[in-house]
Amino acid sequence: DKELKDISNAVVIDNTDATFLGAWGTSTSAGDGAYYGSNFRFFEVLVMGTGANSATWTPDLSSAGAGDYDVYVWHTAKPIYLSNAQFAITHNGTTDPVTVDLTKNGGTWYKLGTYTFDALGSEDVTVTDNEAPAGTFIPADAVAFVPAGTTSWLSESVRYNTSVESILANSFIPNAD
């Protein structure tokens, strides 16, 4: 049982502070793994996705400063969720795509990668319905920006706790790529 380390320079954005385009619902049905905070949002793909529906998390890194950040996503997981969700990390004037299987690794921090951010307000993480097949769902919950090399703020102790104070103490799954 690891203790929660210093999280003062981790920037966590819950779905309540994200920006949504399209008809996203709100749920407290966790599925495989707890949701972060008080709920999560979801998009039901009714026809092949076009990318017009999105969730965007925009951090305020002005206090934390420019530099390299490990970026994590938190989501619930269900078999009907999109298995190849397209995330885009915008940083330092460029955008990098990352594909995530949302049917797995629910209720934990999943590392999207390490990116350099200029902390000028132009950085964000977005997931869209682009090329999502009809009949699938896209959950959107939380994103964390952690200064690279400080993953000690993550712990394996409280995987299914949904309170904001203790959820930061949860485990993480590094990106297999």
N, C-alpha and C. Protein backbone atom coordinates (compact mmCIF):
# COMPACT_ATOMS: atom_id res chain seq x y z
N ASP A 1 0.85 -1.19 0.00
CA ASP A 1 0.00 0.00 0.00
C ASP A 1 0.88 1.24 0.00
N LYS A 2 0.96 1.90 -1.12
CA LYS A 2 1.82 3.06 -1.25
C LYS A 2 1.12 4.31 -0.74
N GLU A 3 1.89 5.19 -0.15
CA GLU A 3 1.35 6.47 0.31
C GLU A 3 1.24 7.44 -0.86
N LEU A 4 0.28 8.31 -0.79
CA LEU A 4 0.13 9.35 -1.79
C LEU A 4 1.26 10.34 -1.63
N LYS A 5 2.03 10.55 -2.68
CA LYS A 5 3.16 11.48 -2.65
C LYS A 5 2.68 12.88 -3.03
N ASP A 6 3.61 13.78 -3.15
CA ASP A 6 3.31 15.17 -3.49
C ASP A 6 2.58 15.25 -4.83
N ILE A 7 1.38 15.81 -4.83
CA ILE A 7 0.62 15.96 -6.07
C ILE A 7 0.42 17.43 -6.41
N SER A 8 1.17 18.30 -5.74
CA SER A 8 0.94 19.73 -5.91
C SER A 8 1.17 20.21 -7.33
N ASN A 9 2.02 19.52 -8.09
CA ASN A 9 2.26 19.98 -9.46
C ASN A 9 1.58 19.08 -10.51
N ALA A 10 0.66 18.20 -10.09
CA ALA A 10 -0.16 17.45 -11.03
C ALA A 10 -1.41 18.28 -11.33
N VAL A 11 -1.76 18.37 -12.60
CA VAL A 11 -2.96 19.10 -13.01
C VAL A 11 -3.97 18.08 -13.50
N VAL A 12 -5.10 17.97 -12.78
CA VAL A 12 -6.13 16.99 -13.12
C VAL A 12 -7.39 17.75 -13.54
N ILE A 13 -7.93 17.37 -14.71
CA ILE A 13 -9.16 17.99 -15.21
C ILE A 13 -10.23 16.92 -15.29
N ASP A 14 -11.32 17.10 -14.54
CA ASP A 14 -12.43 16.16 -14.57
C ASP A 14 -13.36 16.55 -15.72
N ASN A 15 -14.30 15.66 -16.04
CA ASN A 15 -15.25 15.94 -17.12
C ASN A 15 -16.10 17.19 -16.84
N THR A 16 -16.27 17.53 -15.57
CA THR A 16 -17.07 18.71 -15.23
C THR A 16 -16.39 20.00 -15.69
N ASP A 17 -15.09 19.94 -15.98
CA ASP A 17 -14.35 21.11 -16.47
C ASP A 17 -13.90 20.95 -17.91
N ALA A 18 -14.35 19.91 -18.58
CA ALA A 18 -14.01 19.69 -19.98
C ALA A 18 -15.03 20.38 -20.88
N THR A 19 -14.69 20.47 -22.16
CA THR A 19 -15.58 21.08 -23.16
C THR A 19 -16.10 19.97 -24.07
N PHE A 20 -17.41 19.95 -24.29
CA PHE A 20 -18.03 18.90 -25.10
C PHE A 20 -18.73 19.49 -26.31
N LEU A 21 -18.55 18.85 -27.46
CA LEU A 21 -19.29 19.19 -28.68
C LEU A 21 -20.13 17.97 -29.02
N GLY A 22 -21.42 18.16 -29.23
CA GLY A 22 -22.32 17.05 -29.51
C GLY A 22 -23.19 16.73 -28.31
N ALA A 23 -23.98 15.67 -28.44
CA ALA A 23 -24.96 15.29 -27.41
C ALA A 23 -24.36 14.25 -26.47
N TRP A 24 -23.57 14.68 -25.51
CA TRP A 24 -22.95 13.80 -24.52
C TRP A 24 -23.87 13.67 -23.31
N GLY A 25 -24.07 12.44 -22.87
CA GLY A 25 -24.87 12.20 -21.67
C GLY A 25 -23.98 12.20 -20.44
N THR A 26 -24.61 12.14 -19.28
CA THR A 26 -23.91 12.07 -18.00
C THR A 26 -24.36 10.80 -17.29
N SER A 27 -23.41 10.09 -16.65
CA SER A 27 -23.75 8.83 -16.00
C SER A 27 -22.98 8.64 -14.70
N THR A 28 -23.55 7.80 -13.83
CA THR A 28 -22.86 7.35 -12.63
C THR A 28 -22.83 5.82 -12.62
N SER A 29 -23.03 5.19 -13.77
CA SER A 29 -22.95 3.74 -13.91
C SER A 29 -21.52 3.37 -14.26
N ALA A 30 -20.78 2.86 -13.30
CA ALA A 30 -19.34 2.71 -13.47
C ALA A 30 -18.91 1.63 -14.45
N GLY A 31 -19.59 0.52 -14.53
CA GLY A 31 -19.10 -0.56 -15.40
C GLY A 31 -17.84 -1.16 -14.79
N ASP A 32 -16.84 -1.40 -15.62
CA ASP A 32 -15.57 -1.95 -15.15
C ASP A 32 -14.67 -0.82 -14.69
N GLY A 33 -14.63 -0.60 -13.39
CA GLY A 33 -13.80 0.46 -12.84
C GLY A 33 -14.63 1.67 -12.49
N ALA A 34 -14.20 2.34 -11.46
CA ALA A 34 -14.91 3.51 -10.96
C ALA A 34 -14.69 4.70 -11.88
N TYR A 35 -15.60 5.64 -11.79
CA TYR A 35 -15.41 6.89 -12.50
C TYR A 35 -14.70 7.85 -11.56
N TYR A 36 -14.11 8.88 -12.13
CA TYR A 36 -13.40 9.89 -11.36
C TYR A 36 -14.39 10.98 -10.94
N GLY A 37 -14.34 11.40 -9.71
CA GLY A 37 -15.23 12.47 -9.25
C GLY A 37 -16.64 11.99 -9.06
N SER A 38 -17.62 12.83 -9.40
CA SER A 38 -19.02 12.53 -9.12
C SER A 38 -19.76 11.85 -10.27
N ASN A 39 -19.17 11.82 -11.48
CA ASN A 39 -19.82 11.20 -12.63
C ASN A 39 -18.85 11.15 -13.81
N PHE A 40 -19.34 10.71 -14.96
CA PHE A 40 -18.58 10.79 -16.20
C PHE A 40 -19.55 11.09 -17.33
N ARG A 41 -19.02 11.49 -18.46
CA ARG A 41 -19.84 11.77 -19.63
C ARG A 41 -19.65 10.64 -20.63
N PHE A 42 -20.61 10.51 -21.57
CA PHE A 42 -20.48 9.49 -22.60
C PHE A 42 -21.19 9.96 -23.86
N PHE A 43 -20.72 9.44 -25.00
CA PHE A 43 -21.34 9.72 -26.28
C PHE A 43 -21.75 8.40 -26.90
N GLU A 44 -23.02 8.31 -27.31
CA GLU A 44 -23.50 7.11 -28.00
C GLU A 44 -23.40 7.34 -29.50
N VAL A 45 -22.62 6.50 -30.15
CA VAL A 45 -22.42 6.62 -31.59
C VAL A 45 -23.58 5.93 -32.31
N LEU A 46 -24.43 6.72 -32.96
CA LEU A 46 -25.62 6.18 -33.63
C LEU A 46 -25.35 5.83 -35.09
N VAL A 47 -24.50 6.58 -35.75
CA VAL A 47 -24.05 6.30 -37.12
C VAL A 47 -22.53 6.44 -37.11
N MET A 48 -21.88 5.94 -38.14
CA MET A 48 -20.41 6.03 -38.18
C MET A 48 -19.94 7.43 -37.81
N GLY A 49 -19.04 7.50 -36.83
CA GLY A 49 -18.56 8.78 -36.34
C GLY A 49 -17.81 9.59 -37.38
N THR A 50 -17.97 10.90 -37.31
CA THR A 50 -17.33 11.81 -38.27
C THR A 50 -16.26 12.69 -37.64
N GLY A 51 -16.14 12.64 -36.32
CA GLY A 51 -15.20 13.52 -35.63
C GLY A 51 -15.84 14.80 -35.15
N ALA A 52 -17.13 14.98 -35.44
CA ALA A 52 -17.83 16.21 -35.06
C ALA A 52 -18.17 16.24 -33.57
N ASN A 53 -18.16 15.10 -32.92
CA ASN A 53 -18.49 15.01 -31.50
C ASN A 53 -17.20 14.78 -30.72
N SER A 54 -16.95 15.64 -29.74
CA SER A 54 -15.67 15.55 -29.05
C SER A 54 -15.77 15.99 -27.59
N ALA A 55 -14.77 15.55 -26.83
CA ALA A 55 -14.56 16.00 -25.46
C ALA A 55 -13.13 16.53 -25.40
N THR A 56 -12.95 17.71 -24.82
CA THR A 56 -11.63 18.32 -24.76
C THR A 56 -11.32 18.77 -23.34
N TRP A 57 -10.14 18.37 -22.86
CA TRP A 57 -9.64 18.77 -21.55
C TRP A 57 -8.50 19.74 -21.78
N THR A 58 -8.63 20.97 -21.27
CA THR A 58 -7.62 21.99 -21.45
C THR A 58 -7.02 22.36 -20.09
N PRO A 59 -5.76 22.03 -19.87
CA PRO A 59 -5.15 22.31 -18.57
C PRO A 59 -4.67 23.75 -18.47
N ASP A 60 -4.61 24.25 -17.26
CA ASP A 60 -3.94 25.52 -16.99
C ASP A 60 -2.58 25.15 -16.40
N LEU A 61 -1.56 25.16 -17.24
CA LEU A 61 -0.22 24.78 -16.81
C LEU A 61 0.63 26.00 -16.45
N SER A 62 0.00 27.18 -16.36
CA SER A 62 0.77 28.39 -16.10
C SER A 62 1.50 28.35 -14.77
N SER A 63 0.90 27.76 -13.74
CA SER A 63 1.57 27.66 -12.44
C SER A 63 2.61 26.54 -12.43
N ALA A 64 2.28 25.42 -13.06
CA ALA A 64 3.21 24.28 -13.09
C ALA A 64 4.40 24.57 -13.99
N GLY A 65 4.17 25.34 -15.06
CA GLY A 65 5.26 25.74 -15.94
C GLY A 65 5.45 24.84 -17.15
N ALA A 66 6.22 25.35 -18.10
CA ALA A 66 6.53 24.60 -19.31
C ALA A 66 7.42 23.41 -18.97
N GLY A 67 7.35 22.39 -19.82
CA GLY A 67 8.21 21.22 -19.63
C GLY A 67 7.56 19.95 -20.12
N ASP A 68 8.16 18.84 -19.77
CA ASP A 68 7.66 17.53 -20.17
C ASP A 68 6.65 17.04 -19.14
N TYR A 69 5.52 16.54 -19.63
CA TYR A 69 4.46 16.03 -18.77
C TYR A 69 4.05 14.64 -19.24
N ASP A 70 3.83 13.75 -18.26
CA ASP A 70 3.18 12.47 -18.54
C ASP A 70 1.68 12.77 -18.55
N VAL A 71 0.99 12.32 -19.59
CA VAL A 71 -0.44 12.58 -19.72
C VAL A 71 -1.19 11.26 -19.55
N TYR A 72 -2.17 11.28 -18.64
CA TYR A 72 -2.97 10.10 -18.31
C TYR A 72 -4.44 10.39 -18.56
N VAL A 73 -5.18 9.34 -18.92
CA VAL A 73 -6.63 9.44 -19.06
C VAL A 73 -7.26 8.46 -18.08
N TRP A 74 -8.41 8.86 -17.53
CA TRP A 74 -9.19 8.00 -16.60
C TRP A 74 -10.54 7.78 -17.26
N HIS A 75 -10.99 6.53 -17.34
CA HIS A 75 -12.29 6.21 -17.91
C HIS A 75 -12.83 4.94 -17.29
N THR A 76 -14.13 4.75 -17.38
CA THR A 76 -14.71 3.46 -17.05
C THR A 76 -14.56 2.58 -18.29
N ALA A 77 -14.80 1.29 -18.16
CA ALA A 77 -14.66 0.38 -19.30
C ALA A 77 -15.85 -0.57 -19.36
N LYS A 78 -16.35 -0.78 -20.57
CA LYS A 78 -17.42 -1.74 -20.82
C LYS A 78 -17.19 -2.34 -22.21
N PRO A 79 -17.70 -3.55 -22.45
CA PRO A 79 -17.51 -4.16 -23.77
C PRO A 79 -18.11 -3.35 -24.93
N ILE A 80 -19.12 -2.52 -24.65
CA ILE A 80 -19.75 -1.74 -25.74
C ILE A 80 -19.02 -0.42 -26.01
N TYR A 81 -17.96 -0.14 -25.26
CA TYR A 81 -17.19 1.08 -25.50
C TYR A 81 -16.28 0.91 -26.71
N LEU A 82 -15.86 2.01 -27.25
CA LEU A 82 -15.01 2.04 -28.44
C LEU A 82 -13.65 1.40 -28.14
N SER A 83 -13.24 0.46 -28.95
CA SER A 83 -11.97 -0.24 -28.73
C SER A 83 -10.79 0.46 -29.39
N ASN A 84 -11.05 1.47 -30.19
CA ASN A 84 -9.96 2.21 -30.84
C ASN A 84 -10.25 3.71 -30.81
N ALA A 85 -10.47 4.22 -29.61
CA ALA A 85 -10.78 5.65 -29.44
C ALA A 85 -9.58 6.50 -29.86
N GLN A 86 -9.87 7.56 -30.58
CA GLN A 86 -8.82 8.42 -31.10
C GLN A 86 -8.66 9.66 -30.22
N PHE A 87 -7.58 9.67 -29.45
CA PHE A 87 -7.23 10.83 -28.63
C PHE A 87 -6.21 11.65 -29.39
N ALA A 88 -6.22 12.95 -29.17
CA ALA A 88 -5.24 13.84 -29.78
C ALA A 88 -4.66 14.72 -28.67
N ILE A 89 -3.35 14.73 -28.55
CA ILE A 89 -2.67 15.55 -27.55
C ILE A 89 -2.04 16.72 -28.28
N THR A 90 -2.52 17.93 -28.01
CA THR A 90 -1.99 19.14 -28.64
C THR A 90 -0.99 19.77 -27.67
N HIS A 91 0.22 19.96 -28.17
CA HIS A 91 1.31 20.46 -27.33
C HIS A 91 2.37 21.10 -28.21
N ASN A 92 2.95 22.18 -27.73
CA ASN A 92 4.08 22.83 -28.40
C ASN A 92 3.88 23.02 -29.90
N GLY A 93 2.66 23.37 -30.31
CA GLY A 93 2.38 23.65 -31.72
C GLY A 93 2.17 22.44 -32.59
N THR A 94 2.05 21.26 -32.00
CA THR A 94 1.82 20.06 -32.78
C THR A 94 0.73 19.22 -32.11
N THR A 95 0.19 18.25 -32.84
CA THR A 95 -0.82 17.35 -32.28
C THR A 95 -0.39 15.92 -32.55
N ASP A 96 -0.35 15.12 -31.50
CA ASP A 96 0.00 13.71 -31.61
C ASP A 96 -1.22 12.84 -31.34
N PRO A 97 -1.50 11.88 -32.24
CA PRO A 97 -2.63 10.97 -32.03
C PRO A 97 -2.23 9.78 -31.16
N VAL A 98 -3.18 9.31 -30.36
CA VAL A 98 -2.99 8.11 -29.56
C VAL A 98 -4.30 7.33 -29.61
N THR A 99 -4.23 6.04 -29.88
CA THR A 99 -5.41 5.18 -29.92
C THR A 99 -5.50 4.41 -28.60
N VAL A 100 -6.69 4.43 -27.99
CA VAL A 100 -6.89 3.78 -26.69
C VAL A 100 -8.08 2.82 -26.79
N ASP A 101 -7.91 1.63 -26.23
CA ASP A 101 -8.98 0.64 -26.15
C ASP A 101 -9.78 0.91 -24.88
N LEU A 102 -10.94 1.53 -25.02
CA LEU A 102 -11.77 1.92 -23.87
C LEU A 102 -12.58 0.76 -23.30
N THR A 103 -12.43 -0.44 -23.88
CA THR A 103 -13.08 -1.62 -23.31
C THR A 103 -12.24 -2.21 -22.18
N LYS A 104 -11.02 -1.71 -21.99
CA LYS A 104 -10.08 -2.25 -21.00
C LYS A 104 -9.57 -1.14 -20.09
N ASN A 105 -8.94 -1.56 -18.99
CA ASN A 105 -8.24 -0.65 -18.07
C ASN A 105 -9.13 0.43 -17.48
N GLY A 106 -10.37 0.09 -17.18
CA GLY A 106 -11.27 1.05 -16.56
C GLY A 106 -10.94 1.28 -15.10
N GLY A 107 -11.25 2.47 -14.61
CA GLY A 107 -11.07 2.79 -13.20
C GLY A 107 -9.64 2.93 -12.79
N THR A 108 -8.79 3.38 -13.71
CA THR A 108 -7.38 3.55 -13.41
C THR A 108 -6.79 4.60 -14.35
N TRP A 109 -5.67 5.15 -13.98
CA TRP A 109 -5.00 6.11 -14.87
C TRP A 109 -4.26 5.35 -15.94
N TYR A 110 -4.50 5.69 -17.20
CA TYR A 110 -3.86 5.05 -18.35
C TYR A 110 -2.97 6.09 -19.03
N LYS A 111 -1.69 5.79 -19.13
CA LYS A 111 -0.74 6.75 -19.68
C LYS A 111 -0.84 6.84 -21.20
N LEU A 112 -1.10 8.07 -21.70
CA LEU A 112 -1.14 8.30 -23.14
C LEU A 112 0.26 8.52 -23.69
N GLY A 113 1.15 9.05 -22.87
CA GLY A 113 2.52 9.31 -23.30
C GLY A 113 3.12 10.48 -22.56
N THR A 114 4.33 10.85 -22.95
CA THR A 114 5.03 12.00 -22.38
C THR A 114 5.19 13.04 -23.47
N TYR A 115 4.82 14.28 -23.15
CA TYR A 115 4.81 15.34 -24.16
C TYR A 115 5.40 16.62 -23.57
N THR A 116 5.97 17.44 -24.45
CA THR A 116 6.51 18.74 -24.04
C THR A 116 5.43 19.80 -24.23
N PHE A 117 5.14 20.54 -23.17
CA PHE A 117 4.12 21.59 -23.20
C PHE A 117 4.78 22.94 -22.96
N ASP A 118 4.33 23.95 -23.70
CA ASP A 118 4.88 25.29 -23.52
C ASP A 118 4.16 26.09 -22.44
N ALA A 119 3.05 25.56 -21.93
CA ALA A 119 2.26 26.19 -20.85
C ALA A 119 1.76 27.58 -21.22
N LEU A 120 1.44 27.77 -22.49
CA LEU A 120 0.93 29.06 -22.96
C LEU A 120 -0.58 29.05 -23.17
N GLY A 121 -1.25 27.95 -22.80
CA GLY A 121 -2.70 27.89 -22.92
C GLY A 121 -3.19 27.25 -24.20
N SER A 122 -2.29 26.77 -25.05
CA SER A 122 -2.70 26.17 -26.32
C SER A 122 -2.68 24.65 -26.27
N GLU A 123 -2.48 24.07 -25.09
CA GLU A 123 -2.41 22.62 -24.97
C GLU A 123 -3.75 22.03 -24.56
N ASP A 124 -4.02 20.81 -25.04
CA ASP A 124 -5.23 20.11 -24.63
C ASP A 124 -5.16 18.65 -25.02
N VAL A 125 -6.12 17.89 -24.54
CA VAL A 125 -6.32 16.49 -24.93
C VAL A 125 -7.77 16.38 -25.39
N THR A 126 -7.96 15.77 -26.56
CA THR A 126 -9.30 15.64 -27.14
C THR A 126 -9.54 14.20 -27.56
N VAL A 127 -10.76 13.72 -27.34
CA VAL A 127 -11.19 12.44 -27.90
C VAL A 127 -12.41 12.75 -28.77
N THR A 128 -12.47 12.09 -29.94
CA THR A 128 -13.59 12.33 -30.86
C THR A 128 -14.24 11.01 -31.25
N ASP A 129 -15.36 11.14 -31.96
CA ASP A 129 -16.06 9.97 -32.48
C ASP A 129 -15.60 9.61 -33.88
N ASN A 130 -14.49 10.16 -34.34
CA ASN A 130 -14.01 9.93 -35.70
C ASN A 130 -13.86 8.43 -35.99
N GLU A 131 -14.56 7.97 -37.02
CA GLU A 131 -14.55 6.59 -37.48
C GLU A 131 -15.04 5.58 -36.44
N ALA A 132 -15.75 6.06 -35.42
CA ALA A 132 -16.32 5.16 -34.41
C ALA A 132 -17.53 4.46 -35.02
N PRO A 133 -17.61 3.14 -34.91
CA PRO A 133 -18.75 2.43 -35.50
C PRO A 133 -20.04 2.66 -34.72
N ALA A 134 -21.15 2.64 -35.45
CA ALA A 134 -22.46 2.77 -34.82
C ALA A 134 -22.64 1.67 -33.78
N GLY A 135 -23.31 2.02 -32.69
CA GLY A 135 -23.58 1.06 -31.63
C GLY A 135 -22.53 1.04 -30.53
N THR A 136 -21.51 1.86 -30.65
CA THR A 136 -20.50 1.93 -29.59
C THR A 136 -20.70 3.21 -28.77
N PHE A 137 -20.01 3.26 -27.66
CA PHE A 137 -20.07 4.42 -26.77
C PHE A 137 -18.65 4.90 -26.49
N ILE A 138 -18.53 6.19 -26.21
CA ILE A 138 -17.24 6.78 -25.86
C ILE A 138 -17.39 7.43 -24.48
N PRO A 139 -16.73 6.89 -23.45
CA PRO A 139 -16.77 7.55 -22.15
C PRO A 139 -15.74 8.67 -22.10
N ALA A 140 -16.03 9.71 -21.35
CA ALA A 140 -15.10 10.82 -21.17
C ALA A 140 -15.12 11.21 -19.70
N ASP A 141 -14.00 11.06 -19.02
CA ASP A 141 -13.99 11.32 -17.59
C ASP A 141 -12.92 12.32 -17.20
N ALA A 142 -11.69 11.89 -16.95
CA ALA A 142 -10.67 12.81 -16.46
C ALA A 142 -9.35 12.62 -17.19
N VAL A 143 -8.55 13.69 -17.18
CA VAL A 143 -7.20 13.66 -17.75
C VAL A 143 -6.27 14.30 -16.74
N ALA A 144 -5.08 13.71 -16.59
CA ALA A 144 -4.07 14.24 -15.66
C ALA A 144 -2.80 14.59 -16.41
N PHE A 145 -2.22 15.73 -16.06
CA PHE A 145 -0.95 16.18 -16.59
C PHE A 145 0.03 16.18 -15.41
N VAL A 146 1.03 15.32 -15.47
CA VAL A 146 1.96 15.13 -14.35
C VAL A 146 3.37 15.42 -14.85
N PRO A 147 4.10 16.32 -14.18
CA PRO A 147 5.49 16.55 -14.62
C PRO A 147 6.22 15.22 -14.77
N ALA A 148 6.87 15.04 -15.91
CA ALA A 148 7.53 13.77 -16.22
C ALA A 148 8.47 13.36 -15.10
N GLY A 149 8.43 12.07 -14.79
CA GLY A 149 9.31 11.52 -13.77
C GLY A 149 8.77 11.60 -12.36
N THR A 150 7.54 12.11 -12.18
CA THR A 150 6.98 12.23 -10.83
C THR A 150 5.75 11.35 -10.66
N THR A 151 5.77 10.15 -11.24
CA THR A 151 4.61 9.27 -11.17
C THR A 151 4.41 8.69 -9.78
N SER A 152 5.25 9.04 -8.82
CA SER A 152 5.06 8.54 -7.46
C SER A 152 3.76 9.05 -6.85
N TRP A 153 3.13 10.05 -7.47
CA TRP A 153 1.84 10.53 -6.97
C TRP A 153 0.74 9.50 -7.20
N LEU A 154 1.01 8.49 -8.06
CA LEU A 154 0.04 7.44 -8.32
C LEU A 154 0.33 6.24 -7.43
N SER A 155 -0.71 5.59 -6.96
CA SER A 155 -0.55 4.44 -6.08
C SER A 155 -1.54 3.36 -6.48
N GLU A 156 -1.31 2.15 -6.02
CA GLU A 156 -2.19 1.04 -6.34
C GLU A 156 -3.19 0.76 -5.22
N SER A 157 -3.34 1.67 -4.28
CA SER A 157 -4.06 1.35 -3.05
C SER A 157 -5.57 1.44 -3.10
N VAL A 158 -6.18 2.30 -3.92
CA VAL A 158 -7.62 2.54 -3.80
C VAL A 158 -8.28 2.49 -5.17
N ARG A 159 -8.10 1.44 -5.93
CA ARG A 159 -8.53 1.39 -7.31
C ARG A 159 -9.99 1.74 -7.54
N TYR A 160 -10.92 1.30 -6.69
CA TYR A 160 -12.33 1.51 -6.96
C TYR A 160 -12.99 2.56 -6.10
N ASN A 161 -12.23 3.42 -5.48
CA ASN A 161 -12.79 4.51 -4.68
C ASN A 161 -13.09 5.67 -5.61
N THR A 162 -14.26 6.28 -5.48
CA THR A 162 -14.62 7.35 -6.39
C THR A 162 -14.58 8.74 -5.77
N SER A 163 -14.09 8.87 -4.54
CA SER A 163 -14.02 10.22 -3.97
C SER A 163 -12.84 10.97 -4.57
N VAL A 164 -13.00 12.24 -4.81
CA VAL A 164 -11.97 13.05 -5.45
C VAL A 164 -10.68 13.02 -4.64
N GLU A 165 -10.76 13.08 -3.31
CA GLU A 165 -9.57 13.13 -2.48
C GLU A 165 -8.73 11.86 -2.61
N SER A 166 -9.37 10.71 -2.65
CA SER A 166 -8.59 9.48 -2.65
C SER A 166 -8.39 8.89 -4.03
N ILE A 167 -9.12 9.34 -5.02
CA ILE A 167 -8.99 8.75 -6.35
C ILE A 167 -7.61 9.03 -6.93
N LEU A 168 -6.97 10.13 -6.52
CA LEU A 168 -5.63 10.43 -7.00
C LEU A 168 -4.63 9.39 -6.53
N ALA A 169 -5.00 8.59 -5.56
CA ALA A 169 -4.10 7.56 -5.02
C ALA A 169 -4.21 6.25 -5.79
N ASN A 170 -4.86 6.25 -6.92
CA ASN A 170 -5.10 5.02 -7.66
C ASN A 170 -3.94 4.60 -8.53
N SER A 171 -4.07 3.39 -9.05
CA SER A 171 -3.03 2.81 -9.88
C SER A 171 -3.04 3.42 -11.28
N PHE A 172 -2.00 3.13 -12.03
CA PHE A 172 -1.95 3.57 -13.41
C PHE A 172 -1.51 2.44 -14.30
N ILE A 173 -1.92 2.49 -15.56
CA ILE A 173 -1.52 1.50 -16.55
C ILE A 173 -0.67 2.23 -17.58
N PRO A 174 0.61 1.88 -17.69
CA PRO A 174 1.42 2.55 -18.71
C PRO A 174 0.96 2.13 -20.09
N ASN A 175 1.09 3.03 -21.04
CA ASN A 175 0.75 2.73 -22.41
C ASN A 175 1.66 1.60 -22.91
N ALA A 176 1.08 0.61 -23.54
CA ALA A 176 1.86 -0.54 -23.99
C ALA A 176 2.72 -0.20 -25.20
N ASP A 177 2.48 0.93 -25.83
CA ASP A 177 3.24 1.27 -27.03
C ASP A 177 4.66 1.67 -26.74
